[in-house]
Amino acid sequence: MAIEMVSSDKLSLELGVKHKQVKKWILEYKINAVPGGLKFIDDKNQRVVVVNRNLFETKLSTGAKTLSRGKKKTK
């Protein structure tokens, strides 16, 4: 099994979300990351990290929740 490493900016492009959101998920799910330097993303310089793609996808899917709404109250 090969370890596939991917940068946080590439993940944000693939997922269609802002780079800041990907970094938030990396911190929230405690995913190990390697510093990758600075890159101009979303109109400012941001720190890019390199993470294990399989670990990122696994942690993200285990943290997923179902979307449900409560019953609508009637008057």
PDB file of N, CA and C in Angstrom:
ATOM      1  N   MET A   1       0.840  -1.173   0.000  1.00  0.00           N
ATOM      2  CA  MET A   1       0.000   0.000   0.000  1.00  0.00           C
ATOM      3  C   MET A   1       0.888   1.240   0.000  1.00  0.00           C
ATOM      4  N   ALA A   2       0.764   2.044  -1.023  1.00  0.00           N
ATOM      5  CA  ALA A   2       1.572   3.257  -1.149  1.00  0.00           C
ATOM      6  C   ALA A   2       0.898   4.419  -0.433  1.00  0.00           C
ATOM      7  N   ILE A   3       1.721   5.265   0.138  1.00  0.00           N
ATOM      8  CA  ILE A   3       1.202   6.458   0.802  1.00  0.00           C
ATOM      9  C   ILE A   3       1.143   7.571  -0.240  1.00  0.00           C
ATOM     10  N   GLU A   4      -0.038   8.121  -0.422  1.00  0.00           N
ATOM     11  CA  GLU A   4      -0.206   9.194  -1.390  1.00  0.00           C
ATOM     12  C   GLU A   4      -0.297  10.518  -0.646  1.00  0.00           C
ATOM     13  N   MET A   5       0.695  11.347  -0.843  1.00  0.00           N
ATOM     14  CA  MET A   5       0.733  12.650  -0.196  1.00  0.00           C
ATOM     15  C   MET A   5       0.200  13.702  -1.159  1.00  0.00           C
ATOM     16  N   VAL A   6      -0.521  14.674  -0.601  1.00  0.00           N
ATOM     17  CA  VAL A   6      -1.115  15.729  -1.415  1.00  0.00           C
ATOM     18  C   VAL A   6      -1.066  17.034  -0.621  1.00  0.00           C
ATOM     19  N   SER A   7      -0.936  18.152  -1.332  1.00  0.00           N
ATOM     20  CA  SER A   7      -0.872  19.450  -0.660  1.00  0.00           C
ATOM     21  C   SER A   7      -2.277  19.951  -0.340  1.00  0.00           C
ATOM     22  N   SER A   8      -2.343  20.811   0.648  1.00  0.00           N
ATOM     23  CA  SER A   8      -3.636  21.345   1.085  1.00  0.00           C
ATOM     24  C   SER A   8      -4.286  22.210   0.004  1.00  0.00           C
ATOM     25  N   ASP A   9      -3.488  22.904  -0.807  1.00  0.00           N
ATOM     26  CA  ASP A   9      -4.084  23.726  -1.861  1.00  0.00           C
ATOM     27  C   ASP A   9      -4.677  22.854  -2.968  1.00  0.00           C
ATOM     28  N   LYS A  10      -4.062  21.726  -3.253  1.00  0.00           N
ATOM     29  CA  LYS A  10      -4.620  20.800  -4.252  1.00  0.00           C
ATOM     30  C   LYS A  10      -5.931  20.193  -3.736  1.00  0.00           C
ATOM     31  N   LEU A  11      -5.979  19.853  -2.446  1.00  0.00           N
ATOM     32  CA  LEU A  11      -7.215  19.332  -1.858  1.00  0.00           C
ATOM     33  C   LEU A  11      -8.343  20.353  -1.955  1.00  0.00           C
ATOM     34  N   SER A  12      -8.023  21.615  -1.689  1.00  0.00           N
ATOM     35  CA  SER A  12      -9.067  22.643  -1.742  1.00  0.00           C
ATOM     36  C   SER A  12      -9.611  22.805  -3.158  1.00  0.00           C
ATOM     37  N   LEU A  13      -8.744  22.695  -4.165  1.00  0.00           N
ATOM     38  CA  LEU A  13      -9.208  22.777  -5.552  1.00  0.00           C
ATOM     39  C   LEU A  13     -10.085  21.581  -5.904  1.00  0.00           C
ATOM     40  N   GLU A  14      -9.673  20.381  -5.484  1.00  0.00           N
ATOM     41  CA  GLU A  14     -10.440  19.166  -5.791  1.00  0.00           C
ATOM     42  C   GLU A  14     -11.805  19.163  -5.109  1.00  0.00           C
ATOM     43  N   LEU A  15     -11.850  19.656  -3.865  1.00  0.00           N
ATOM     44  CA  LEU A  15     -13.102  19.651  -3.115  1.00  0.00           C
ATOM     45  C   LEU A  15     -13.979  20.864  -3.437  1.00  0.00           C
ATOM     46  N   GLY A  16     -13.391  21.883  -4.048  1.00  0.00           N
ATOM     47  CA  GLY A  16     -14.165  23.072  -4.396  1.00  0.00           C
ATOM     48  C   GLY A  16     -14.465  23.963  -3.207  1.00  0.00           C
ATOM     49  N   VAL A  17     -13.597  23.946  -2.199  1.00  0.00           N
ATOM     50  CA  VAL A  17     -13.760  24.801  -1.025  1.00  0.00           C
ATOM     51  C   VAL A  17     -12.533  25.685  -0.890  1.00  0.00           C
ATOM     52  N   LYS A  18     -12.634  26.678  -0.035  1.00  0.00           N
ATOM     53  CA  LYS A  18     -11.497  27.567   0.189  1.00  0.00           C
ATOM     54  C   LYS A  18     -10.388  26.831   0.937  1.00  0.00           C
ATOM     55  N   HIS A  19      -9.167  27.275   0.719  1.00  0.00           N
ATOM     56  CA  HIS A  19      -7.995  26.678   1.357  1.00  0.00           C
ATOM     57  C   HIS A  19      -8.095  26.763   2.881  1.00  0.00           C
ATOM     58  N   LYS A  20      -8.654  27.849   3.368  1.00  0.00           N
ATOM     59  CA  LYS A  20      -8.823  28.039   4.810  1.00  0.00           C
ATOM     60  C   LYS A  20      -9.693  26.938   5.420  1.00  0.00           C
ATOM     61  N   GLN A  21     -10.720  26.484   4.689  1.00  0.00           N
ATOM     62  CA  GLN A  21     -11.599  25.420   5.171  1.00  0.00           C
ATOM     63  C   GLN A  21     -10.847  24.101   5.274  1.00  0.00           C
ATOM     64  N   VAL A  22     -10.000  23.809   4.297  1.00  0.00           N
ATOM     65  CA  VAL A  22      -9.210  22.568   4.337  1.00  0.00           C
ATOM     66  C   VAL A  22      -8.262  22.599   5.529  1.00  0.00           C
ATOM     67  N   LYS A  23      -7.628  23.737   5.766  1.00  0.00           N
ATOM     68  CA  LYS A  23      -6.730  23.855   6.923  1.00  0.00           C
ATOM     69  C   LYS A  23      -7.509  23.682   8.226  1.00  0.00           C
ATOM     70  N   LYS A  24      -8.734  24.195   8.272  1.00  0.00           N
ATOM     71  CA  LYS A  24      -9.584  24.043   9.465  1.00  0.00           C
ATOM     72  C   LYS A  24      -9.869  22.567   9.721  1.00  0.00           C
ATOM     73  N   TRP A  25     -10.205  21.821   8.647  1.00  0.00           N
ATOM     74  CA  TRP A  25     -10.467  20.391   8.793  1.00  0.00           C
ATOM     75  C   TRP A  25      -9.225  19.640   9.256  1.00  0.00           C
ATOM     76  N   ILE A  26      -8.062  20.006   8.730  1.00  0.00           N
ATOM     77  CA  ILE A  26      -6.810  19.346   9.124  1.00  0.00           C
ATOM     78  C   ILE A  26      -6.573  19.531  10.615  1.00  0.00           C
ATOM     79  N   LEU A  27      -6.815  20.719  11.127  1.00  0.00           N
ATOM     80  CA  LEU A  27      -6.651  20.978  12.564  1.00  0.00           C
ATOM     81  C   LEU A  27      -7.736  20.295  13.385  1.00  0.00           C
ATOM     82  N   GLU A  28      -8.980  20.363  12.905  1.00  0.00           N
ATOM     83  CA  GLU A  28     -10.118  19.812  13.630  1.00  0.00           C
ATOM     84  C   GLU A  28     -10.017  18.289  13.799  1.00  0.00           C
ATOM     85  N   TYR A  29      -9.585  17.598  12.747  1.00  0.00           N
ATOM     86  CA  TYR A  29      -9.509  16.139  12.797  1.00  0.00           C
ATOM     87  C   TYR A  29      -8.120  15.628  13.173  1.00  0.00           C
ATOM     88  N   LYS A  30      -7.234  16.558  13.572  1.00  0.00           N
ATOM     89  CA  LYS A  30      -5.890  16.215  14.056  1.00  0.00           C
ATOM     90  C   LYS A  30      -5.133  15.330  13.070  1.00  0.00           C
ATOM     91  N   ILE A  31      -5.052  15.782  11.833  1.00  0.00           N
ATOM     92  CA  ILE A  31      -4.341  15.060  10.783  1.00  0.00           C
ATOM     93  C   ILE A  31      -2.894  15.556  10.751  1.00  0.00           C
ATOM     94  N   ASN A  32      -1.947  14.618  10.791  1.00  0.00           N
ATOM     95  CA  ASN A  32      -0.534  14.984  10.731  1.00  0.00           C
ATOM     96  C   ASN A  32      -0.229  15.632   9.393  1.00  0.00           C
ATOM     97  N   ALA A  33       0.529  16.723   9.430  1.00  0.00           N
ATOM     98  CA  ALA A  33       0.851  17.458   8.214  1.00  0.00           C
ATOM     99  C   ALA A  33       2.319  17.879   8.236  1.00  0.00           C
ATOM    100  N   VAL A  34       2.887  18.004   7.037  1.00  0.00           N
ATOM    101  CA  VAL A  34       4.261  18.448   6.869  1.00  0.00           C
ATOM    102  C   VAL A  34       4.213  19.829   6.230  1.00  0.00           C
ATOM    103  N   PRO A  35       4.946  20.816   6.782  1.00  0.00           N
ATOM    104  CA  PRO A  35       4.942  22.147   6.175  1.00  0.00           C
ATOM    105  C   PRO A  35       5.429  22.099   4.731  1.00  0.00           C
ATOM    106  N   GLY A  36       4.771  22.847   3.876  1.00  0.00           N
ATOM    107  CA  GLY A  36       5.126  22.858   2.461  1.00  0.00           C
ATOM    108  C   GLY A  36       5.489  24.222   1.934  1.00  0.00           C
ATOM    109  N   GLY A  37       5.513  25.242   2.779  1.00  0.00           N
ATOM    110  CA  GLY A  37       5.898  26.578   2.354  1.00  0.00           C
ATOM    111  C   GLY A  37       4.713  27.513   2.195  1.00  0.00           C
ATOM    112  N   LEU A  38       4.982  28.656   1.550  1.00  0.00           N
ATOM    113  CA  LEU A  38       3.957  29.672   1.316  1.00  0.00           C
ATOM    114  C   LEU A  38       3.532  29.652  -0.145  1.00  0.00           C
ATOM    115  N   LYS A  39       2.259  29.954  -0.380  1.00  0.00           N
ATOM    116  CA  LYS A  39       1.737  30.035  -1.735  1.00  0.00           C
ATOM    117  C   LYS A  39       0.649  31.100  -1.759  1.00  0.00           C
ATOM    118  N   PHE A  40       0.539  31.799  -2.877  1.00  0.00           N
ATOM    119  CA  PHE A  40      -0.479  32.843  -3.025  1.00  0.00           C
ATOM    120  C   PHE A  40      -1.804  32.181  -3.380  1.00  0.00           C
ATOM    121  N   ILE A  41      -2.715  32.096  -2.384  1.00  0.00           N
ATOM    122  CA  ILE A  41      -4.009  31.437  -2.552  1.00  0.00           C
ATOM    123  C   ILE A  41      -5.091  32.368  -2.015  1.00  0.00           C
ATOM    124  N   ASP A  42      -6.214  32.447  -2.705  1.00  0.00           N
ATOM    125  CA  ASP A  42      -7.350  33.260  -2.268  1.00  0.00           C
ATOM    126  C   ASP A  42      -6.932  34.703  -1.962  1.00  0.00           C
ATOM    127  N   ASP A  43      -6.150  35.273  -2.839  1.00  0.00           N
ATOM    128  CA  ASP A  43      -5.723  36.682  -2.764  1.00  0.00           C
ATOM    129  C   ASP A  43      -4.808  37.018  -1.602  1.00  0.00           C
ATOM    130  N   LYS A  44      -4.134  36.024  -1.018  1.00  0.00           N
ATOM    131  CA  LYS A  44      -3.126  36.316   0.004  1.00  0.00           C
ATOM    132  C   LYS A  44      -2.178  35.135   0.157  1.00  0.00           C
ATOM    133  N   ASN A  45      -1.009  35.394   0.757  1.00  0.00           N
ATOM    134  CA  ASN A  45      -0.051  34.323   1.013  1.00  0.00           C
ATOM    135  C   ASN A  45      -0.560  33.449   2.147  1.00  0.00           C
ATOM    136  N   GLN A  46      -0.581  32.148   1.917  1.00  0.00           N
ATOM    137  CA  GLN A  46      -1.029  31.209   2.949  1.00  0.00           C
ATOM    138  C   GLN A  46      -0.039  30.065   3.049  1.00  0.00           C
ATOM    139  N   ARG A  47       0.058  29.501   4.244  1.00  0.00           N
ATOM    140  CA  ARG A  47       0.934  28.360   4.454  1.00  0.00           C
ATOM    141  C   ARG A  47       0.270  27.105   3.900  1.00  0.00           C
ATOM    142  N   VAL A  48       1.032  26.375   3.123  1.00  0.00           N
ATOM    143  CA  VAL A  48       0.551  25.140   2.518  1.00  0.00           C
ATOM    144  C   VAL A  48       1.172  23.969   3.276  1.00  0.00           C
ATOM    145  N   VAL A  49       0.391  22.925   3.506  1.00  0.00           N
ATOM    146  CA  VAL A  49       0.894  21.729   4.165  1.00  0.00           C
ATOM    147  C   VAL A  49       0.658  20.522   3.267  1.00  0.00           C
ATOM    148  N   VAL A  50       1.409  19.464   3.535  1.00  0.00           N
ATOM    149  CA  VAL A  50       1.273  18.222   2.784  1.00  0.00           C
ATOM    150  C   VAL A  50       0.736  17.170   3.741  1.00  0.00           C
ATOM    151  N   VAL A  51      -0.333  16.469   3.316  1.00  0.00           N
ATOM    152  CA  VAL A  51      -0.967  15.464   4.170  1.00  0.00           C
ATOM    153  C   VAL A  51      -1.145  14.155   3.388  1.00  0.00           C
ATOM    154  N   ASN A  52      -1.397  13.100   4.120  1.00  0.00           N
ATOM    155  CA  ASN A  52      -1.702  11.804   3.528  1.00  0.00           C
ATOM    156  C   ASN A  52      -3.154  11.853   3.043  1.00  0.00           C
ATOM    157  N   ARG A  53      -3.358  11.664   1.737  1.00  0.00           N
ATOM    158  CA  ARG A  53      -4.694  11.772   1.152  1.00  0.00           C
ATOM    159  C   ARG A  53      -5.660  10.751   1.757  1.00  0.00           C
ATOM    160  N   ASN A  54      -5.229   9.508   1.903  1.00  0.00           N
ATOM    161  CA  ASN A  54      -6.111   8.465   2.435  1.00  0.00           C
ATOM    162  C   ASN A  54      -6.542   8.775   3.861  1.00  0.00           C
ATOM    163  N   LEU A  55      -5.603   9.236   4.682  1.00  0.00           N
ATOM    164  CA  LEU A  55      -5.923   9.587   6.065  1.00  0.00           C
ATOM    165  C   LEU A  55      -6.886  10.766   6.115  1.00  0.00           C
ATOM    166  N   PHE A  56      -6.649  11.773   5.275  1.00  0.00           N
ATOM    167  CA  PHE A  56      -7.525  12.955   5.223  1.00  0.00           C
ATOM    168  C   PHE A  56      -8.953  12.547   4.857  1.00  0.00           C
ATOM    169  N   GLU A  57      -9.095  11.728   3.812  1.00  0.00           N
ATOM    170  CA  GLU A  57     -10.428  11.313   3.375  1.00  0.00           C
ATOM    171  C   GLU A  57     -11.121  10.445   4.418  1.00  0.00           C
ATOM    172  N   THR A  58     -10.352   9.577   5.078  1.00  0.00           N
ATOM    173  CA  THR A  58     -10.927   8.712   6.111  1.00  0.00           C
ATOM    174  C   THR A  58     -11.415   9.523   7.297  1.00  0.00           C
ATOM    175  N   LYS A  59     -10.584  10.437   7.786  1.00  0.00           N
ATOM    176  CA  LYS A  59     -10.968  11.263   8.937  1.00  0.00           C
ATOM    177  C   LYS A  59     -12.159  12.148   8.592  1.00  0.00           C
ATOM    178  N   LEU A  60     -12.175  12.686   7.377  1.00  0.00           N
ATOM    179  CA  LEU A  60     -13.272  13.558   6.969  1.00  0.00           C
ATOM    180  C   LEU A  60     -14.577  12.777   6.879  1.00  0.00           C
ATOM    181  N   SER A  61     -14.520  11.559   6.371  1.00  0.00           N
ATOM    182  CA  SER A  61     -15.749  10.774   6.238  1.00  0.00           C
ATOM    183  C   SER A  61     -16.241  10.259   7.589  1.00  0.00           C
ATOM    184  N   THR A  62     -15.346   9.962   8.532  1.00  0.00           N
ATOM    185  CA  THR A  62     -15.793   9.502   9.845  1.00  0.00           C
ATOM    186  C   THR A  62     -16.382  10.648  10.660  1.00  0.00           C
ATOM    187  N   GLY A  63     -15.994  11.878  10.337  1.00  0.00           N
ATOM    188  CA  GLY A  63     -16.537  13.032  11.047  1.00  0.00           C
ATOM    189  C   GLY A  63     -17.809  13.562  10.419  1.00  0.00           C
ATOM    190  N   ALA A  64     -18.236  12.948   9.330  1.00  0.00           N
ATOM    191  CA  ALA A  64     -19.433  13.425   8.622  1.00  0.00           C
ATOM    192  C   ALA A  64     -20.690  13.131   9.433  1.00  0.00           C
ATOM    193  N   LYS A  65     -21.642  14.024   9.332  1.00  0.00           N
ATOM    194  CA  LYS A  65     -22.908  13.883  10.045  1.00  0.00           C
ATOM    195  C   LYS A  65     -24.046  13.928   9.042  1.00  0.00           C
ATOM    196  N   THR A  66     -25.152  13.340   9.388  1.00  0.00           N
ATOM    197  CA  THR A  66     -26.315  13.417   8.510  1.00  0.00           C
ATOM    198  C   THR A  66     -26.988  14.768   8.697  1.00  0.00           C
ATOM    199  N   LEU A  67     -27.514  15.264   7.628  1.00  0.00           N
ATOM    200  CA  LEU A  67     -28.231  16.537   7.691  1.00  0.00           C
ATOM    201  C   LEU A  67     -29.699  16.239   7.877  1.00  0.00           C
ATOM    202  N   SER A  68     -30.236  16.679   8.974  1.00  0.00           N
ATOM    203  CA  SER A  68     -31.662  16.497   9.207  1.00  0.00           C
ATOM    204  C   SER A  68     -32.194  17.715   9.934  1.00  0.00           C
ATOM    205  N   ARG A  69     -33.405  17.992   9.670  1.00  0.00           N
ATOM    206  CA  ARG A  69     -34.044  19.129  10.319  1.00  0.00           C
ATOM    207  C   ARG A  69     -35.121  18.608  11.248  1.00  0.00           C
ATOM    208  N   GLY A  70     -35.351  19.353  12.280  1.00  0.00           N
ATOM    209  CA  GLY A  70     -36.409  18.992  13.210  1.00  0.00           C
ATOM    210  C   GLY A  70     -37.765  19.199  12.577  1.00  0.00           C
ATOM    211  N   LYS A  71     -38.758  18.653  13.214  1.00  0.00           N
ATOM    212  CA  LYS A  71     -40.115  18.827  12.688  1.00  0.00           C
ATOM    213  C   LYS A  71     -40.513  20.283  12.777  1.00  0.00           C
ATOM    214  N   LYS A  72     -41.223  20.727  11.785  1.00  0.00           N
ATOM    215  CA  LYS A  72     -41.686  22.106  11.730  1.00  0.00           C
ATOM    216  C   LYS A  72     -42.814  22.298  12.715  1.00  0.00           C
ATOM    217  N   LYS A  73     -42.699  23.300  13.549  1.00  0.00           N
ATOM    218  CA  LYS A  73     -43.732  23.581  14.539  1.00  0.00           C
ATOM    219  C   LYS A  73     -44.916  24.259  13.874  1.00  0.00           C
ATOM    220  N   THR A  74     -46.077  23.808  14.208  1.00  0.00           N
ATOM    221  CA  THR A  74     -47.278  24.431  13.686  1.00  0.00           C
ATOM    222  C   THR A  74     -47.969  25.188  14.826  1.00  0.00           C
ATOM    223  N   LYS A  75     -48.594  26.272  14.457  1.00  0.00           N
ATOM    224  CA  LYS A  75     -49.245  27.107  15.468  1.00  0.00           C
ATOM    225  C   LYS A  75     -50.693  26.780  15.604  1.00  0.00           C
TER     226      LYS A  75
END
